[in-house]
């Protein structure tokens, strides 16, 4: 029984430690998202060949990244202070912020459900996803100087 209590306590601690620093956690999630989008961008720019299977794998990674996004956990009250470019608008308009991320997730899921057959189709999908990112950045992010 004692081992069970210790094991449960360790799991609870590990779970809380996963979001011990919401600023760092959200920055890591966004850096991962940018890296994934960058891989797709290389294909659109012709820097890498279009490979439908590889593109689908990358789109699935983008969807998985979007599914990890939890505004309540990553942007709790008080996490607007410190090394962050998160704009105060996030906490002033949390419903709008969540709606913007929900649209990104829906668009990411749509790309996976209907994967592009060629570079032009990927470009159209990436423009949609990039537009979602741009909308969020323009409204909910402070521009770095």
Protein backbone atom coordinates (compact mmCIF):
# COMPACT_ATOMS: atom_id res chain seq x y z
CA UNK A 1 0.00 0.00 0.00
CA UNK A 2 2.80 2.38 0.88
CA UNK A 3 4.42 1.79 -2.52
CA UNK A 4 1.10 2.57 -4.20
CA UNK A 5 0.78 5.87 -2.32
CA UNK A 6 4.35 6.79 -3.23
CA UNK A 7 3.78 5.88 -6.88
CA UNK A 8 0.59 7.95 -7.05
CA UNK A 9 2.33 10.87 -5.35
CA UNK A 10 5.19 10.70 -7.85
CA UNK A 11 2.76 10.67 -10.77
CA UNK A 12 0.86 13.62 -9.34
CA UNK A 13 4.12 15.53 -8.89
CA UNK A 14 5.25 14.67 -12.40
CA UNK A 15 1.92 15.84 -13.78
CA UNK A 16 2.13 19.16 -11.98
CA UNK A 17 5.77 19.57 -12.97
CA UNK A 18 4.79 19.26 -16.62
CA UNK A 19 3.32 22.75 -16.38
CA UNK A 20 5.52 24.13 -13.62
CA UNK A 21 6.43 27.15 -15.77
CA UNK A 22 3.61 28.02 -18.15
CA UNK A 23 5.70 30.64 -19.97
CA UNK A 24 8.45 28.17 -20.82
CA UNK A 25 5.93 25.45 -21.62
CA UNK A 26 3.97 27.59 -24.07
CA UNK A 27 7.17 28.90 -25.65
CA UNK A 28 8.36 25.33 -26.15
CA UNK A 29 5.03 24.36 -27.72
CA UNK A 30 5.14 27.33 -30.09
CA UNK A 31 8.79 26.68 -31.03
CA UNK A 32 7.83 23.10 -31.85
CA UNK A 33 4.90 24.39 -33.94
CA UNK A 34 7.18 26.77 -35.81
CA UNK A 35 9.68 24.02 -36.53
CA UNK A 36 6.95 21.76 -37.92
CA UNK A 37 5.52 24.57 -40.06
CA UNK A 38 9.05 25.30 -41.27
CA UNK A 39 9.38 21.75 -42.55
CA UNK A 40 6.21 22.18 -44.59
CA UNK A 41 7.36 25.57 -45.80
CA UNK A 42 10.54 24.03 -47.23
CA UNK A 43 8.40 21.79 -49.41
CA UNK A 44 6.24 24.70 -50.58
CA UNK A 45 9.36 26.74 -51.41
CA UNK A 46 10.81 23.85 -53.40
CA UNK A 47 13.73 23.40 -51.01
CA UNK A 48 12.58 19.82 -50.46
CA UNK A 49 10.72 17.47 -52.79
CA UNK A 50 7.02 16.87 -52.26
CA UNK A 51 6.53 13.44 -50.70
CA UNK A 52 2.87 12.85 -49.85
CA UNK A 53 3.62 10.38 -47.05
CA UNK A 54 6.21 12.65 -45.43
CA UNK A 55 3.92 15.68 -45.74
CA UNK A 56 1.07 13.77 -44.10
CA UNK A 57 3.35 12.70 -41.24
CA UNK A 58 4.36 16.32 -40.73
CA UNK A 59 0.74 17.50 -40.87
CA UNK A 60 -0.14 14.90 -38.25
CA UNK A 61 2.66 16.27 -36.05
CA UNK A 62 1.21 19.75 -36.49
CA UNK A 63 -2.23 18.48 -35.47
CA UNK A 64 -0.75 16.72 -32.43
CA UNK A 65 0.98 19.96 -31.46
CA UNK A 66 -2.29 21.88 -31.76
CA UNK A 67 -4.07 19.26 -29.65
CA UNK A 68 -1.57 19.86 -26.81
CA UNK A 69 -2.57 23.53 -26.61
CA UNK A 70 -4.58 24.26 -23.47
CA UNK A 71 -5.05 27.99 -22.94
CA UNK A 72 -6.14 27.61 -19.32
CA UNK A 73 -3.01 25.68 -18.41
CA UNK A 74 -0.52 27.53 -20.60
CA UNK A 75 -1.88 31.03 -19.94
CA UNK A 76 -3.05 31.07 -16.31
CA UNK A 77 -3.67 34.36 -14.54
CA UNK A 78 -0.38 35.96 -13.59
CA UNK A 79 1.63 34.37 -16.40
CA UNK A 80 1.62 37.66 -18.29
CA UNK A 81 4.66 38.78 -16.29
CA UNK A 82 8.21 37.74 -17.04
CA UNK A 83 10.01 36.73 -20.24
CA UNK A 84 6.96 36.57 -22.49
CA UNK A 85 5.61 38.17 -25.63
CA UNK A 86 2.05 37.21 -24.74
CA UNK A 87 -0.09 40.34 -25.03
CA UNK A 88 -2.43 41.45 -22.23
CA UNK A 89 -5.24 41.00 -24.78
CA UNK A 90 -5.07 37.24 -24.10
CA UNK A 91 -6.35 37.67 -20.56
CA UNK A 92 -8.74 40.48 -21.56
CA UNK A 93 -10.31 38.33 -24.29
CA UNK A 94 -9.66 34.71 -23.31
CA UNK A 95 -12.75 33.53 -25.23
CA UNK A 96 -11.48 35.14 -28.44
CA UNK A 97 -8.00 33.77 -27.84
CA UNK A 98 -9.35 30.25 -27.38
CA UNK A 99 -11.52 30.65 -30.47
CA UNK A 100 -8.46 31.58 -32.54
CA UNK A 101 -6.61 28.48 -31.38
CA UNK A 102 -9.71 26.33 -31.93
CA UNK A 103 -9.78 27.51 -35.56
CA UNK A 104 -6.11 26.56 -35.97
CA UNK A 105 -6.82 23.09 -34.56
CA UNK A 106 -9.85 22.65 -36.83
CA UNK A 107 -7.81 23.69 -39.86
CA UNK A 108 -4.95 21.37 -38.85
CA UNK A 109 -7.40 18.49 -38.53
CA UNK A 110 -8.87 19.33 -41.94
CA UNK A 111 -5.43 19.14 -43.57
CA UNK A 112 -4.86 15.71 -42.06
CA UNK A 113 -8.35 14.53 -43.06
CA UNK A 114 -7.79 15.74 -46.62
CA UNK A 115 -4.04 15.58 -47.20
CA UNK A 116 -2.63 17.51 -50.13
CA UNK A 117 -1.96 15.61 -53.34
CA UNK A 118 0.66 18.05 -54.58
CA UNK A 119 2.67 21.15 -53.72
CA UNK A 120 -0.06 23.54 -54.84
CA UNK A 121 -2.61 21.91 -52.53
CA UNK A 122 -0.11 21.99 -49.68
CA UNK A 123 0.56 25.66 -50.37
CA UNK A 124 -3.17 26.45 -50.10
CA UNK A 125 -3.45 24.54 -46.83
CA UNK A 126 -0.31 26.12 -45.43
CA UNK A 127 -1.64 29.57 -46.35
CA UNK A 128 -4.76 28.82 -44.29
CA UNK A 129 -2.75 27.58 -41.32
CA UNK A 130 -0.31 30.46 -41.63
CA UNK A 131 -3.23 32.87 -41.69
CA UNK A 132 -4.44 31.38 -38.42
CA UNK A 133 -0.99 31.90 -36.92
CA UNK A 134 -0.85 35.47 -38.22
CA UNK A 135 -4.26 36.33 -36.80
CA UNK A 136 -3.21 35.12 -33.38
CA UNK A 137 0.19 36.83 -33.49
CA UNK A 138 -1.27 40.16 -34.62
CA UNK A 139 -3.89 40.18 -31.89
CA UNK A 140 -2.42 38.27 -28.98
CA UNK A 141 1.36 38.69 -29.21
CA UNK A 142 3.63 41.60 -28.46
CA UNK A 143 6.04 42.24 -31.31
CA UNK A 144 9.68 41.89 -30.34
CA UNK A 145 11.75 45.04 -30.81
